[in-house]
Amino acid sequence: MKKIILSSLVVLGLSGAAFAQAATDFATVDADASGGVSLTEAQAVWPDLTEDAFNAADADASGELSADEFATISAAATPAP
């Protein structure tokens, strides 16, 4: 299932270059310290992140990325050459 989600993220426009801009951790991205990363917070790090890609990464459909969901999306990062 994770492979499908990660593949969807790439297809939906979250490129490796966008990930390369985000060399940061969950606590830093969770700017309001709510315990979850909102779409707005995620887009501050990954400007190319679409709402569809965010929703695909939000496996529990909570409206925020948990630390585990954030780790999954971050692990898909491929540094730009």
PDB file of N, CA and C in Angstrom:
ATOM      1  N   MET A   1       0.820  -1.191   0.000  1.00  0.00           N
ATOM      2  CA  MET A   1       0.000   0.000   0.000  1.00  0.00           C
ATOM      3  C   MET A   1       0.862   1.252   0.000  1.00  0.00           C
ATOM      4  N   LYS A   2       1.968   1.242   0.779  1.00  0.00           N
ATOM      5  CA  LYS A   2       2.842   2.414   0.826  1.00  0.00           C
ATOM      6  C   LYS A   2       3.445   2.708  -0.539  1.00  0.00           C
ATOM      7  N   LYS A   3       3.754   1.641  -1.297  1.00  0.00           N
ATOM      8  CA  LYS A   3       4.313   1.848  -2.629  1.00  0.00           C
ATOM      9  C   LYS A   3       3.310   2.575  -3.522  1.00  0.00           C
ATOM     10  N   ILE A   4       2.038   2.240  -3.373  1.00  0.00           N
ATOM     11  CA  ILE A   4       0.997   2.897  -4.164  1.00  0.00           C
ATOM     12  C   ILE A   4       0.910   4.363  -3.779  1.00  0.00           C
ATOM     13  N   ILE A   5       0.927   4.650  -2.492  1.00  0.00           N
ATOM     14  CA  ILE A   5       0.859   6.038  -2.029  1.00  0.00           C
ATOM     15  C   ILE A   5       2.054   6.823  -2.527  1.00  0.00           C
ATOM     16  N   LEU A   6       3.247   6.278  -2.367  1.00  0.00           N
ATOM     17  CA  LEU A   6       4.440   6.997  -2.799  1.00  0.00           C
ATOM     18  C   LEU A   6       4.454   7.184  -4.310  1.00  0.00           C
ATOM     19  N   SER A   7       4.002   6.188  -5.048  1.00  0.00           N
ATOM     20  CA  SER A   7       3.914   6.331  -6.496  1.00  0.00           C
ATOM     21  C   SER A   7       2.926   7.420  -6.857  1.00  0.00           C
ATOM     22  N   SER A   8       1.826   7.472  -6.131  1.00  0.00           N
ATOM     23  CA  SER A   8       0.817   8.504  -6.376  1.00  0.00           C
ATOM     24  C   SER A   8       1.383   9.884  -6.133  1.00  0.00           C
ATOM     25  N   LEU A   9       2.214  10.021  -5.116  1.00  0.00           N
ATOM     26  CA  LEU A   9       2.809  11.325  -4.823  1.00  0.00           C
ATOM     27  C   LEU A   9       3.651  11.816  -5.986  1.00  0.00           C
ATOM     28  N   VAL A  10       4.417  10.930  -6.567  1.00  0.00           N
ATOM     29  CA  VAL A  10       5.240  11.308  -7.706  1.00  0.00           C
ATOM     30  C   VAL A  10       4.366  11.673  -8.893  1.00  0.00           C
ATOM     31  N   VAL A  11       3.364  10.859  -9.162  1.00  0.00           N
ATOM     32  CA  VAL A  11       2.462  11.110 -10.282  1.00  0.00           C
ATOM     33  C   VAL A  11       1.707  12.420 -10.087  1.00  0.00           C
ATOM     34  N   LEU A  12       1.353  12.730  -8.864  1.00  0.00           N
ATOM     35  CA  LEU A  12       0.570  13.930  -8.589  1.00  0.00           C
ATOM     36  C   LEU A  12       1.420  15.197  -8.502  1.00  0.00           C
ATOM     37  N   GLY A  13       2.674  15.106  -8.798  1.00  0.00           N
ATOM     38  CA  GLY A  13       3.463  16.313  -8.959  1.00  0.00           C
ATOM     39  C   GLY A  13       4.438  16.631  -7.855  1.00  0.00           C
ATOM     40  N   LEU A  14       4.685  15.735  -6.931  1.00  0.00           N
ATOM     41  CA  LEU A  14       5.658  15.996  -5.890  1.00  0.00           C
ATOM     42  C   LEU A  14       6.990  15.443  -6.371  1.00  0.00           C
ATOM     43  N   SER A  15       7.765  16.297  -6.973  1.00  0.00           N
ATOM     44  CA  SER A  15       9.000  15.869  -7.620  1.00  0.00           C
ATOM     45  C   SER A  15      10.138  15.721  -6.623  1.00  0.00           C
ATOM     46  N   GLY A  16      11.180  15.051  -7.051  1.00  0.00           N
ATOM     47  CA  GLY A  16      12.384  14.922  -6.243  1.00  0.00           C
ATOM     48  C   GLY A  16      12.992  16.265  -5.926  1.00  0.00           C
ATOM     49  N   ALA A  17      12.898  17.196  -6.844  1.00  0.00           N
ATOM     50  CA  ALA A  17      13.430  18.531  -6.603  1.00  0.00           C
ATOM     51  C   ALA A  17      12.687  19.208  -5.461  1.00  0.00           C
ATOM     52  N   ALA A  18      11.395  19.008  -5.388  1.00  0.00           N
ATOM     53  CA  ALA A  18      10.622  19.587  -4.291  1.00  0.00           C
ATOM     54  C   ALA A  18      11.054  18.979  -2.970  1.00  0.00           C
ATOM     55  N   PHE A  19      11.268  17.663  -2.955  1.00  0.00           N
ATOM     56  CA  PHE A  19      11.731  17.022  -1.734  1.00  0.00           C
ATOM     57  C   PHE A  19      13.119  17.496  -1.360  1.00  0.00           C
ATOM     58  N   ALA A  20      13.974  17.726  -2.322  1.00  0.00           N
ATOM     59  CA  ALA A  20      15.342  18.123  -2.040  1.00  0.00           C
ATOM     60  C   ALA A  20      15.388  19.441  -1.288  1.00  0.00           C
ATOM     61  N   GLN A  21      14.368  20.271  -1.445  1.00  0.00           N
ATOM     62  CA  GLN A  21      14.310  21.546  -0.749  1.00  0.00           C
ATOM     63  C   GLN A  21      14.043  21.347   0.736  1.00  0.00           C
ATOM     64  N   ALA A  22      13.614  20.167   1.137  1.00  0.00           N
ATOM     65  CA  ALA A  22      13.162  19.934   2.496  1.00  0.00           C
ATOM     66  C   ALA A  22      14.109  19.032   3.264  1.00  0.00           C
ATOM     67  N   ALA A  23      15.181  19.583   3.721  1.00  0.00           N
ATOM     68  CA  ALA A  23      16.095  18.820   4.554  1.00  0.00           C
ATOM     69  C   ALA A  23      15.808  19.219   6.000  1.00  0.00           C
ATOM     70  N   THR A  24      14.651  18.823   6.490  1.00  0.00           N
ATOM     71  CA  THR A  24      14.230  19.236   7.821  1.00  0.00           C
ATOM     72  C   THR A  24      13.476  18.117   8.509  1.00  0.00           C
ATOM     73  N   ASP A  25      13.157  18.315   9.768  1.00  0.00           N
ATOM     74  CA  ASP A  25      12.493  17.262  10.522  1.00  0.00           C
ATOM     75  C   ASP A  25      11.045  17.617  10.844  1.00  0.00           C
ATOM     76  N   PHE A  26      10.323  16.632  11.349  1.00  0.00           N
ATOM     77  CA  PHE A  26       8.900  16.769  11.637  1.00  0.00           C
ATOM     78  C   PHE A  26       8.622  17.941  12.569  1.00  0.00           C
ATOM     79  N   ALA A  27       9.362  18.045  13.660  1.00  0.00           N
ATOM     80  CA  ALA A  27       9.116  19.099  14.651  1.00  0.00           C
ATOM     81  C   ALA A  27       9.303  20.486  14.058  1.00  0.00           C
ATOM     82  N   THR A  28      10.222  20.628  13.145  1.00  0.00           N
ATOM     83  CA  THR A  28      10.454  21.920  12.506  1.00  0.00           C
ATOM     84  C   THR A  28       9.307  22.270  11.565  1.00  0.00           C
ATOM     85  N   VAL A  29       8.848  21.307  10.795  1.00  0.00           N
ATOM     86  CA  VAL A  29       7.761  21.540   9.843  1.00  0.00           C
ATOM     87  C   VAL A  29       6.445  21.779  10.580  1.00  0.00           C
ATOM     88  N   ASP A  30       6.251  21.113  11.714  1.00  0.00           N
ATOM     89  CA  ASP A  30       5.047  21.310  12.543  1.00  0.00           C
ATOM     90  C   ASP A  30       5.194  22.634  13.295  1.00  0.00           C
ATOM     91  N   ALA A  31       5.085  23.725  12.562  1.00  0.00           N
ATOM     92  CA  ALA A  31       5.373  25.067  13.075  1.00  0.00           C
ATOM     93  C   ALA A  31       4.511  25.455  14.270  1.00  0.00           C
ATOM     94  N   ASP A  32       3.278  24.980  14.319  1.00  0.00           N
ATOM     95  CA  ASP A  32       2.394  25.348  15.430  1.00  0.00           C
ATOM     96  C   ASP A  32       2.419  24.322  16.569  1.00  0.00           C
ATOM     97  N   ALA A  33       3.311  23.346  16.464  1.00  0.00           N
ATOM     98  CA  ALA A  33       3.496  22.313  17.489  1.00  0.00           C
ATOM     99  C   ALA A  33       2.188  21.601  17.841  1.00  0.00           C
ATOM    100  N   SER A  34       1.351  21.372  16.839  1.00  0.00           N
ATOM    101  CA  SER A  34       0.058  20.714  17.056  1.00  0.00           C
ATOM    102  C   SER A  34       0.178  19.199  17.126  1.00  0.00           C
ATOM    103  N   GLY A  35       1.325  18.678  16.726  1.00  0.00           N
ATOM    104  CA  GLY A  35       1.496  17.230  16.675  1.00  0.00           C
ATOM    105  C   GLY A  35       1.182  16.644  15.313  1.00  0.00           C
ATOM    106  N   GLY A  36       0.848  17.505  14.354  1.00  0.00           N
ATOM    107  CA  GLY A  36       0.570  17.086  12.979  1.00  0.00           C
ATOM    108  C   GLY A  36       1.001  18.175  12.016  1.00  0.00           C
ATOM    109  N   VAL A  37       1.307  17.776  10.800  1.00  0.00           N
ATOM    110  CA  VAL A  37       1.722  18.729   9.766  1.00  0.00           C
ATOM    111  C   VAL A  37       0.549  18.966   8.826  1.00  0.00           C
ATOM    112  N   SER A  38       0.094  20.207   8.777  1.00  0.00           N
ATOM    113  CA  SER A  38      -1.019  20.583   7.905  1.00  0.00           C
ATOM    114  C   SER A  38      -0.528  20.745   6.470  1.00  0.00           C
ATOM    115  N   LEU A  39      -1.468  20.849   5.557  1.00  0.00           N
ATOM    116  CA  LEU A  39      -1.114  21.092   4.159  1.00  0.00           C
ATOM    117  C   LEU A  39      -0.314  22.380   4.035  1.00  0.00           C
ATOM    118  N   THR A  40      -0.729  23.420   4.720  1.00  0.00           N
ATOM    119  CA  THR A  40      -0.024  24.709   4.660  1.00  0.00           C
ATOM    120  C   THR A  40       1.406  24.580   5.167  1.00  0.00           C
ATOM    121  N   GLU A  41       1.580  23.876   6.284  1.00  0.00           N
ATOM    122  CA  GLU A  41       2.927  23.675   6.824  1.00  0.00           C
ATOM    123  C   GLU A  41       3.776  22.857   5.859  1.00  0.00           C
ATOM    124  N   ALA A  42       3.193  21.818   5.283  1.00  0.00           N
ATOM    125  CA  ALA A  42       3.929  20.976   4.338  1.00  0.00           C
ATOM    126  C   ALA A  42       4.315  21.763   3.093  1.00  0.00           C
ATOM    127  N   GLN A  43       3.409  22.620   2.622  1.00  0.00           N
ATOM    128  CA  GLN A  43       3.709  23.410   1.423  1.00  0.00           C
ATOM    129  C   GLN A  43       4.762  24.476   1.680  1.00  0.00           C
ATOM    130  N   ALA A  44       4.961  24.857   2.924  1.00  0.00           N
ATOM    131  CA  ALA A  44       6.039  25.795   3.247  1.00  0.00           C
ATOM    132  C   ALA A  44       7.399  25.151   2.987  1.00  0.00           C
ATOM    133  N   VAL A  45       7.440  23.824   3.123  1.00  0.00           N
ATOM    134  CA  VAL A  45       8.672  23.074   2.892  1.00  0.00           C
ATOM    135  C   VAL A  45       8.735  22.543   1.468  1.00  0.00           C
ATOM    136  N   TRP A  46       7.594  22.047   0.978  1.00  0.00           N
ATOM    137  CA  TRP A  46       7.489  21.483  -0.365  1.00  0.00           C
ATOM    138  C   TRP A  46       6.476  22.296  -1.169  1.00  0.00           C
ATOM    139  N   PRO A  47       6.882  23.418  -1.748  1.00  0.00           N
ATOM    140  CA  PRO A  47       5.943  24.292  -2.456  1.00  0.00           C
ATOM    141  C   PRO A  47       5.174  23.613  -3.588  1.00  0.00           C
ATOM    142  N   ASP A  48       5.719  22.574  -4.162  1.00  0.00           N
ATOM    143  CA  ASP A  48       5.064  21.874  -5.269  1.00  0.00           C
ATOM    144  C   ASP A  48       4.072  20.816  -4.798  1.00  0.00           C
ATOM    145  N   LEU A  49       3.924  20.640  -3.494  1.00  0.00           N
ATOM    146  CA  LEU A  49       3.009  19.632  -2.956  1.00  0.00           C
ATOM    147  C   LEU A  49       1.573  20.026  -3.262  1.00  0.00           C
ATOM    148  N   THR A  50       0.874  19.135  -3.942  1.00  0.00           N
ATOM    149  CA  THR A  50      -0.530  19.393  -4.265  1.00  0.00           C
ATOM    150  C   THR A  50      -1.417  18.864  -3.138  1.00  0.00           C
ATOM    151  N   GLU A  51      -2.641  19.349  -3.104  1.00  0.00           N
ATOM    152  CA  GLU A  51      -3.588  18.860  -2.107  1.00  0.00           C
ATOM    153  C   GLU A  51      -3.849  17.365  -2.305  1.00  0.00           C
ATOM    154  N   ASP A  52      -3.930  16.927  -3.549  1.00  0.00           N
ATOM    155  CA  ASP A  52      -4.142  15.505  -3.831  1.00  0.00           C
ATOM    156  C   ASP A  52      -2.983  14.649  -3.307  1.00  0.00           C
ATOM    157  N   ALA A  53      -1.758  15.117  -3.504  1.00  0.00           N
ATOM    158  CA  ALA A  53      -0.595  14.368  -3.022  1.00  0.00           C
ATOM    159  C   ALA A  53      -0.570  14.351  -1.496  1.00  0.00           C
ATOM    160  N   PHE A  54      -0.906  15.478  -0.878  1.00  0.00           N
ATOM    161  CA  PHE A  54      -0.973  15.545   0.582  1.00  0.00           C
ATOM    162  C   PHE A  54      -2.006  14.550   1.102  1.00  0.00           C
ATOM    163  N   ASN A  55      -3.185  14.551   0.482  1.00  0.00           N
ATOM    164  CA  ASN A  55      -4.245  13.637   0.905  1.00  0.00           C
ATOM    165  C   ASN A  55      -3.842  12.181   0.724  1.00  0.00           C
ATOM    166  N   ALA A  56      -3.074  11.891  -0.308  1.00  0.00           N
ATOM    167  CA  ALA A  56      -2.592  10.522  -0.525  1.00  0.00           C
ATOM    168  C   ALA A  56      -1.619  10.111   0.584  1.00  0.00           C
ATOM    169  N   ALA A  57      -0.816  11.052   1.052  1.00  0.00           N
ATOM    170  CA  ALA A  57       0.137  10.765   2.125  1.00  0.00           C
ATOM    171  C   ALA A  57      -0.552  10.669   3.481  1.00  0.00           C
ATOM    172  N   ASP A  58      -1.683  11.338   3.623  1.00  0.00           N
ATOM    173  CA  ASP A  58      -2.446  11.351   4.872  1.00  0.00           C
ATOM    174  C   ASP A  58      -3.276  10.060   4.957  1.00  0.00           C
ATOM    175  N   ALA A  59      -2.607   8.970   5.283  1.00  0.00           N
ATOM    176  CA  ALA A  59      -3.213   7.637   5.232  1.00  0.00           C
ATOM    177  C   ALA A  59      -4.444   7.491   6.120  1.00  0.00           C
ATOM    178  N   ASP A  60      -4.486   8.175   7.237  1.00  0.00           N
ATOM    179  CA  ASP A  60      -5.641   8.049   8.127  1.00  0.00           C
ATOM    180  C   ASP A  60      -6.701   9.130   7.888  1.00  0.00           C
ATOM    181  N   ALA A  61      -6.496   9.955   6.862  1.00  0.00           N
ATOM    182  CA  ALA A  61      -7.447  10.999   6.463  1.00  0.00           C
ATOM    183  C   ALA A  61      -7.803  11.936   7.616  1.00  0.00           C
ATOM    184  N   SER A  62      -6.802  12.255   8.445  1.00  0.00           N
ATOM    185  CA  SER A  62      -7.025  13.138   9.591  1.00  0.00           C
ATOM    186  C   SER A  62      -6.951  14.617   9.224  1.00  0.00           C
ATOM    187  N   GLY A  63      -6.433  14.906   8.035  1.00  0.00           N
ATOM    188  CA  GLY A  63      -6.243  16.296   7.630  1.00  0.00           C
ATOM    189  C   GLY A  63      -4.869  16.822   7.966  1.00  0.00           C
ATOM    190  N   GLU A  64      -4.078  16.003   8.655  1.00  0.00           N
ATOM    191  CA  GLU A  64      -2.697  16.348   8.993  1.00  0.00           C
ATOM    192  C   GLU A  64      -1.827  15.113   8.803  1.00  0.00           C
ATOM    193  N   LEU A  65      -0.548  15.354   8.580  1.00  0.00           N
ATOM    194  CA  LEU A  65       0.394  14.241   8.509  1.00  0.00           C
ATOM    195  C   LEU A  65       0.911  13.960   9.909  1.00  0.00           C
ATOM    196  N   SER A  66       0.793  12.725  10.338  1.00  0.00           N
ATOM    197  CA  SER A  66       1.382  12.299  11.604  1.00  0.00           C
ATOM    198  C   SER A  66       2.895  12.188  11.403  1.00  0.00           C
ATOM    199  N   ALA A  67       3.603  11.947  12.487  1.00  0.00           N
ATOM    200  CA  ALA A  67       5.058  11.772  12.383  1.00  0.00           C
ATOM    201  C   ALA A  67       5.387  10.604  11.455  1.00  0.00           C
ATOM    202  N   ASP A  68       4.623   9.512  11.546  1.00  0.00           N
ATOM    203  CA  ASP A  68       4.866   8.349  10.680  1.00  0.00           C
ATOM    204  C   ASP A  68       4.568   8.670   9.217  1.00  0.00           C
ATOM    205  N   GLU A  69       3.458   9.371   8.962  1.00  0.00           N
ATOM    206  CA  GLU A  69       3.117   9.748   7.587  1.00  0.00           C
ATOM    207  C   GLU A  69       4.153  10.714   7.025  1.00  0.00           C
ATOM    208  N   PHE A  70       4.617  11.634   7.855  1.00  0.00           N
ATOM    209  CA  PHE A  70       5.653  12.575   7.441  1.00  0.00           C
ATOM    210  C   PHE A  70       6.946  11.825   7.108  1.00  0.00           C
ATOM    211  N   ALA A  71       7.295  10.847   7.949  1.00  0.00           N
ATOM    212  CA  ALA A  71       8.499  10.052   7.695  1.00  0.00           C
ATOM    213  C   ALA A  71       8.393   9.301   6.380  1.00  0.00           C
ATOM    214  N   THR A  72       7.203   8.781   6.084  1.00  0.00           N
ATOM    215  CA  THR A  72       6.990   8.049   4.839  1.00  0.00           C
ATOM    216  C   THR A  72       7.170   8.961   3.631  1.00  0.00           C
ATOM    217  N   ILE A  73       6.569  10.137   3.687  1.00  0.00           N
ATOM    218  CA  ILE A  73       6.674  11.063   2.551  1.00  0.00           C
ATOM    219  C   ILE A  73       8.108  11.587   2.431  1.00  0.00           C
ATOM    220  N   SER A  74       8.767  11.808   3.563  1.00  0.00           N
ATOM    221  CA  SER A  74      10.161  12.286   3.529  1.00  0.00           C
ATOM    222  C   SER A  74      11.103  11.230   2.991  1.00  0.00           C
ATOM    223  N   ALA A  75      10.824   9.963   3.298  1.00  0.00           N
ATOM    224  CA  ALA A  75      11.677   8.869   2.828  1.00  0.00           C
ATOM    225  C   ALA A  75      11.641   8.724   1.319  1.00  0.00           C
ATOM    226  N   ALA A  76      10.575   9.221   0.698  1.00  0.00           N
ATOM    227  CA  ALA A  76      10.463   9.146  -0.753  1.00  0.00           C
ATOM    228  C   ALA A  76      11.335  10.179  -1.450  1.00  0.00           C
ATOM    229  N   ALA A  77      11.961  11.017  -0.653  1.00  0.00           N
ATOM    230  CA  ALA A  77      12.793  12.084  -1.216  1.00  0.00           C
ATOM    231  C   ALA A  77      13.967  11.508  -2.003  1.00  0.00           C
ATOM    232  N   THR A  78      14.153  12.050  -3.167  1.00  0.00           N
ATOM    233  CA  THR A  78      15.299  11.700  -3.995  1.00  0.00           C
ATOM    234  C   THR A  78      16.063  12.984  -4.263  1.00  0.00           C
ATOM    235  N   PRO A  79      17.258  13.107  -3.716  1.00  0.00           N
ATOM    236  CA  PRO A  79      18.008  14.341  -3.938  1.00  0.00           C
ATOM    237  C   PRO A  79      18.181  14.638  -5.422  1.00  0.00           C
ATOM    238  N   ALA A  80      18.062  15.900  -5.751  1.00  0.00           N
ATOM    239  CA  ALA A  80      18.262  16.318  -7.140  1.00  0.00           C
ATOM    240  C   ALA A  80      19.724  16.127  -7.510  1.00  0.00           C
ATOM    241  N   PRO A  81      19.986  15.737  -8.755  1.00  0.00           N
ATOM    242  CA  PRO A  81      21.390  15.529  -9.177  1.00  0.00           C
ATOM    243  C   PRO A  81      22.158  16.825  -9.221  1.00  0.00           C
TER     244      PRO A  81
END
